[in-house]
Amino acid sequence: MGLLRRLIVILVKTVLTPMTKRTWTGLEHIPPTGGVILAPNHLSHADPLVCAHFVYDAGRWPRFLGKASVFKVPVVGKIILRARQIPVERGSADAAKSLEVLTAALQQGGAVIIYPEGTTTREPDLWPMRGKTGAARLALATGAPVIPMAMWGPQDFFDPRTKKVHVRPRTPIAIAAGPAVDFSKWTGAEPTRAVLDEMTDEIMLRIRDLLGEIRQETPPPLWAPVKGEKA
């Protein structure tokens, strides 16, 4: 892995191992090699660390997306680039360039983590929101499998609803990965808005159901139907 990445692993595990009581399930669904899109729900700003721990324990190096401008910061930019994180341009004008960068990462065999919601959930009970189409677009363009993931517990470190930080040892953290989302019905489809929305809903429904299993609760709909639309 190289010295830098080994040091990162030591640092992250040194912090998280005593601070978390981990329940990892579905590690076998993350392929050991080849490009793969990992799609977790987004509860808290603490998510990336525990998500990275899970993905590393599955035998893969986690590659997160970051604003391209961050990679231009002296010293910091070089460190995160050497750690194989992925610079992505923000904004519709740079969407094609970002897709090229992500496609290259998958072609290199990367395990790319994309939060389909795009931000921490705004649902009051922290269920997933309706997702954005980035993961679906990338899957359609590359054929890379999308592995749904759900996590519960990072909000106990930092709750986005209250903005309060709670740091205590052995905080329960549960993460589950499921089988790759079945996109066979969209094989060869053009990336129209309707197709991408359908694929995205399929991803989010899988994430939602995994989260329901972790929480042992019945999940709500992904979004409230508009007036006149069937639930």
Protein backbone atom coordinates (compact mmCIF):
# COMPACT_ATOMS: atom_id res chain seq x y z
CA MET A 1 0.00 0.00 0.00
CA GLY A 2 2.93 2.32 0.52
CA LEU A 3 4.04 4.06 3.70
CA LEU A 4 1.48 6.89 3.57
CA ARG A 5 -1.54 4.63 3.29
CA ARG A 6 -0.20 2.32 5.99
CA LEU A 7 0.15 5.32 8.30
CA ILE A 8 -3.43 6.39 7.51
CA VAL A 9 -4.72 2.90 8.34
CA ILE A 10 -2.83 2.87 11.64
CA LEU A 11 -4.16 6.32 12.57
CA VAL A 12 -7.80 5.57 11.69
CA LYS A 13 -7.86 2.16 13.36
CA THR A 14 -6.07 3.45 16.44
CA VAL A 15 -8.85 6.01 16.90
CA LEU A 16 -11.87 3.96 15.83
CA THR A 17 -11.14 0.54 17.33
CA PRO A 18 -11.56 1.61 20.98
CA MET A 19 -14.25 4.16 20.15
CA THR A 20 -16.62 1.81 18.34
CA LYS A 21 -18.41 -1.47 18.92
CA ARG A 22 -18.71 -2.62 15.33
CA THR A 23 -21.26 -4.90 13.69
CA TRP A 24 -20.14 -5.50 10.11
CA THR A 25 -22.39 -7.57 7.82
CA GLY A 26 -22.31 -8.24 4.10
CA LEU A 27 -18.57 -7.78 3.62
CA GLU A 28 -18.70 -10.70 1.18
CA HIS A 29 -20.82 -8.62 -1.21
CA ILE A 30 -17.92 -6.24 -1.90
CA PRO A 31 -15.91 -7.77 -4.74
CA PRO A 32 -12.25 -8.34 -3.84
CA THR A 33 -10.97 -6.84 -7.10
CA GLY A 34 -12.14 -4.66 -9.97
CA GLY A 35 -13.95 -1.37 -10.20
CA VAL A 36 -16.96 -1.07 -7.91
CA ILE A 37 -19.30 1.74 -6.83
CA LEU A 38 -20.16 1.67 -3.12
CA ALA A 39 -23.35 3.57 -2.31
CA PRO A 40 -24.00 4.24 1.41
CA ASN A 41 -26.60 6.38 3.15
CA HIS A 42 -25.35 9.63 4.68
CA LEU A 43 -26.21 10.24 8.33
CA SER A 44 -23.42 12.35 9.72
CA HIS A 45 -20.09 13.99 9.04
CA ALA A 46 -18.62 11.04 10.96
CA ASP A 47 -19.75 8.65 8.19
CA PRO A 48 -16.61 8.66 6.03
CA LEU A 49 -14.30 7.39 8.77
CA VAL A 50 -16.45 4.42 9.77
CA CYS A 51 -17.34 3.73 6.13
CA ALA A 52 -13.63 3.69 5.26
CA HIS A 53 -12.98 1.28 8.14
CA PHE A 54 -15.68 -1.08 6.83
CA VAL A 55 -14.44 -0.97 3.24
CA TYR A 56 -10.85 -1.54 4.33
CA ASP A 57 -11.93 -4.54 6.41
CA ALA A 58 -13.58 -5.88 3.24
CA GLY A 59 -10.13 -5.88 1.65
CA ARG A 60 -10.49 -2.76 -0.49
CA TRP A 61 -8.91 0.68 -0.37
CA PRO A 62 -11.73 3.27 -0.04
CA ARG A 63 -11.64 6.08 -2.59
CA PHE A 64 -13.82 9.06 -1.72
CA LEU A 65 -14.70 12.04 -3.88
CA GLY A 66 -13.37 15.47 -2.99
CA LYS A 67 -13.68 18.96 -4.42
CA ALA A 68 -10.94 19.49 -6.98
CA SER A 69 -9.94 22.76 -5.28
CA VAL A 70 -8.91 20.88 -2.13
CA PHE A 71 -6.34 18.93 -4.12
CA LYS A 72 -4.65 22.21 -5.05
CA VAL A 73 -3.97 23.15 -1.42
CA PRO A 74 -0.23 22.96 -0.69
CA VAL A 75 0.84 19.80 1.18
CA VAL A 76 -2.75 18.70 1.94
CA GLY A 77 -3.55 18.26 -1.74
CA LYS A 78 -0.52 16.07 -2.33
CA ILE A 79 -1.30 13.90 0.69
CA ILE A 80 -4.89 13.14 -0.26
CA LEU A 81 -3.91 12.61 -3.90
CA ARG A 82 -1.24 10.10 -2.88
CA ALA A 83 -3.87 8.45 -0.70
CA ARG A 84 -5.72 7.85 -4.00
CA GLN A 85 -8.72 10.02 -3.26
CA ILE A 86 -10.56 11.39 -6.29
CA PRO A 87 -10.75 15.08 -7.31
CA VAL A 88 -14.13 15.97 -8.77
CA GLU A 89 -15.21 19.24 -10.33
CA ARG A 90 -18.44 20.68 -8.93
CA GLY A 91 -21.13 22.27 -11.07
CA SER A 92 -23.01 21.23 -14.17
CA ALA A 93 -20.41 22.74 -16.50
CA ASP A 94 -17.80 20.29 -15.20
CA ALA A 95 -20.06 17.23 -15.00
CA ALA A 96 -18.55 15.57 -18.10
CA LYS A 97 -15.01 16.08 -16.79
CA SER A 98 -15.95 14.61 -13.41
CA LEU A 99 -17.52 11.58 -15.09
CA GLU A 100 -14.26 11.01 -16.97
CA VAL A 101 -12.25 11.13 -13.73
CA LEU A 102 -14.58 8.69 -11.99
CA THR A 103 -14.66 6.38 -15.00
CA ALA A 104 -10.86 6.29 -14.98
CA ALA A 105 -10.84 5.44 -11.26
CA LEU A 106 -13.17 2.50 -11.89
CA GLN A 107 -11.15 1.33 -14.89
CA GLN A 108 -8.11 1.32 -12.60
CA GLY A 109 -10.00 -1.11 -10.35
CA GLY A 110 -10.93 1.42 -7.67
CA ALA A 111 -13.56 1.02 -4.95
CA VAL A 112 -15.31 4.37 -5.36
CA ILE A 113 -17.63 5.58 -2.59
CA ILE A 114 -20.51 7.78 -3.73
CA TYR A 115 -23.18 9.08 -1.35
CA PRO A 116 -26.26 9.09 -3.60
CA GLU A 117 -28.06 11.61 -1.38
CA GLY A 118 -25.26 14.10 -2.00
CA THR A 119 -25.46 15.43 1.57
CA THR A 120 -26.47 14.29 5.02
CA THR A 121 -30.13 13.32 5.12
CA ARG A 122 -32.68 15.97 5.98
CA GLU A 123 -35.25 13.41 7.11
CA PRO A 124 -36.07 14.05 10.79
CA ASP A 125 -35.58 10.38 11.75
CA LEU A 126 -32.45 10.02 9.58
CA TRP A 127 -33.98 7.72 6.98
CA PRO A 128 -32.54 8.12 3.45
CA MET A 129 -33.78 10.85 1.15
CA ARG A 130 -34.42 10.49 -2.55
CA GLY A 131 -31.01 10.25 -4.23
CA LYS A 132 -29.24 12.19 -6.94
CA THR A 133 -28.39 10.47 -10.21
CA GLY A 134 -24.56 10.49 -10.13
CA ALA A 135 -24.08 6.86 -9.08
CA ALA A 136 -26.64 5.64 -11.62
CA ARG A 137 -25.06 7.67 -14.41
CA LEU A 138 -21.63 6.27 -13.59
CA ALA A 139 -22.96 2.71 -13.41
CA LEU A 140 -24.67 3.05 -16.78
CA ALA A 141 -21.53 4.52 -18.36
CA THR A 142 -19.08 1.94 -16.99
CA GLY A 143 -21.04 -1.20 -16.19
CA ALA A 144 -19.44 -1.23 -12.73
CA PRO A 145 -21.55 -2.92 -10.04
CA VAL A 146 -23.27 -0.77 -7.43
CA ILE A 147 -23.15 -2.19 -3.92
CA PRO A 148 -25.79 -0.67 -1.61
CA MET A 149 -24.64 0.03 1.94
CA ALA A 150 -26.44 1.20 5.05
CA MET A 151 -24.99 2.45 8.30
CA TRP A 152 -26.40 3.34 11.67
CA GLY A 153 -24.53 4.75 14.64
CA PRO A 154 -22.26 7.52 13.27
CA GLN A 155 -24.96 10.03 14.26
CA ASP A 156 -24.11 9.21 17.88
CA PHE A 157 -20.69 10.78 17.31
CA PHE A 158 -22.11 13.82 15.53
CA ASP A 159 -25.84 14.33 15.14
CA PRO A 160 -26.60 16.66 12.21
CA ARG A 161 -29.98 17.52 13.73
CA THR A 162 -28.57 18.93 16.97
CA LYS A 163 -25.00 19.72 15.79
CA LYS A 164 -23.76 18.11 19.00
CA VAL A 165 -20.61 15.99 19.26
CA HIS A 166 -20.56 12.98 21.60
CA VAL A 167 -17.29 11.10 21.91
CA ARG A 168 -17.40 7.99 24.06
CA PRO A 169 -15.77 4.55 23.85
CA ARG A 170 -17.57 1.54 22.39
CA THR A 171 -20.24 3.48 20.53
CA PRO A 172 -22.32 0.89 18.60
CA ILE A 173 -21.80 1.17 14.84
CA ALA A 174 -23.60 -1.09 12.37
CA ILE A 175 -22.85 -1.23 8.65
CA ALA A 176 -24.37 -3.65 6.16
CA ALA A 177 -23.61 -4.17 2.48
CA GLY A 178 -26.01 -5.93 0.15
CA PRO A 179 -25.69 -7.71 -3.19
CA ALA A 180 -25.10 -5.57 -6.26
CA VAL A 181 -28.18 -3.72 -7.49
CA ASP A 182 -29.75 -5.49 -10.48
CA PHE A 183 -29.69 -3.05 -13.39
CA SER A 184 -30.33 -5.66 -16.09
CA LYS A 185 -33.56 -4.01 -17.23
CA TRP A 186 -31.59 -0.89 -18.15
CA THR A 187 -28.78 -2.64 -20.04
CA GLY A 188 -27.92 -0.57 -23.10
CA ALA A 189 -30.38 2.19 -22.16
CA GLU A 190 -29.66 5.81 -22.97
CA PRO A 191 -28.95 7.97 -19.90
CA THR A 192 -32.22 9.89 -20.06
CA ARG A 193 -33.53 11.61 -16.96
CA ALA A 194 -36.29 9.02 -16.61
CA VAL A 195 -33.85 6.09 -16.80
CA LEU A 196 -31.41 7.67 -14.34
CA ASP A 197 -34.24 8.48 -11.90
CA GLU A 198 -35.50 4.88 -12.04
CA MET A 199 -32.03 3.47 -11.45
CA THR A 200 -31.40 5.92 -8.61
CA ASP A 201 -34.69 5.00 -6.93
CA GLU A 202 -33.68 1.33 -7.15
CA ILE A 203 -30.37 2.11 -5.41
CA MET A 204 -32.06 4.16 -2.69
CA LEU A 205 -34.75 1.56 -2.04
CA ARG A 206 -32.06 -1.06 -1.50
CA ILE A 207 -30.19 1.24 0.89
CA ARG A 208 -33.41 2.08 2.73
CA ASP A 209 -34.34 -1.59 3.18
CA LEU A 210 -30.86 -2.45 4.47
CA LEU A 211 -31.15 0.39 6.97
CA GLY A 212 -34.55 -0.92 8.06
CA GLU A 213 -32.96 -4.29 8.80
CA ILE A 214 -30.17 -2.68 10.83
CA ARG A 215 -32.60 -0.51 12.79
CA GLN A 216 -35.17 -3.33 13.06
CA GLU A 217 -37.82 -0.85 12.00
CA THR A 218 -40.20 -0.51 9.07
CA PRO A 219 -38.77 2.21 6.81
CA PRO A 220 -40.96 4.99 5.44
CA PRO A 221 -41.26 5.89 1.73
CA LEU A 222 -38.20 7.56 0.25
CA TRP A 223 -40.12 10.76 -0.38
CA ALA A 224 -43.56 12.21 0.13
CA PRO A 225 -45.68 11.85 -3.04
CA VAL A 226 -46.77 15.03 -4.70
CA LYS A 227 -50.47 15.85 -4.79
CA GLY A 228 -52.33 13.52 -7.12
CA GLU A 229 -49.47 10.98 -7.27
CA LYS A 230 -49.86 7.48 -5.86
CA ALA A 231 -47.67 6.62 -2.89
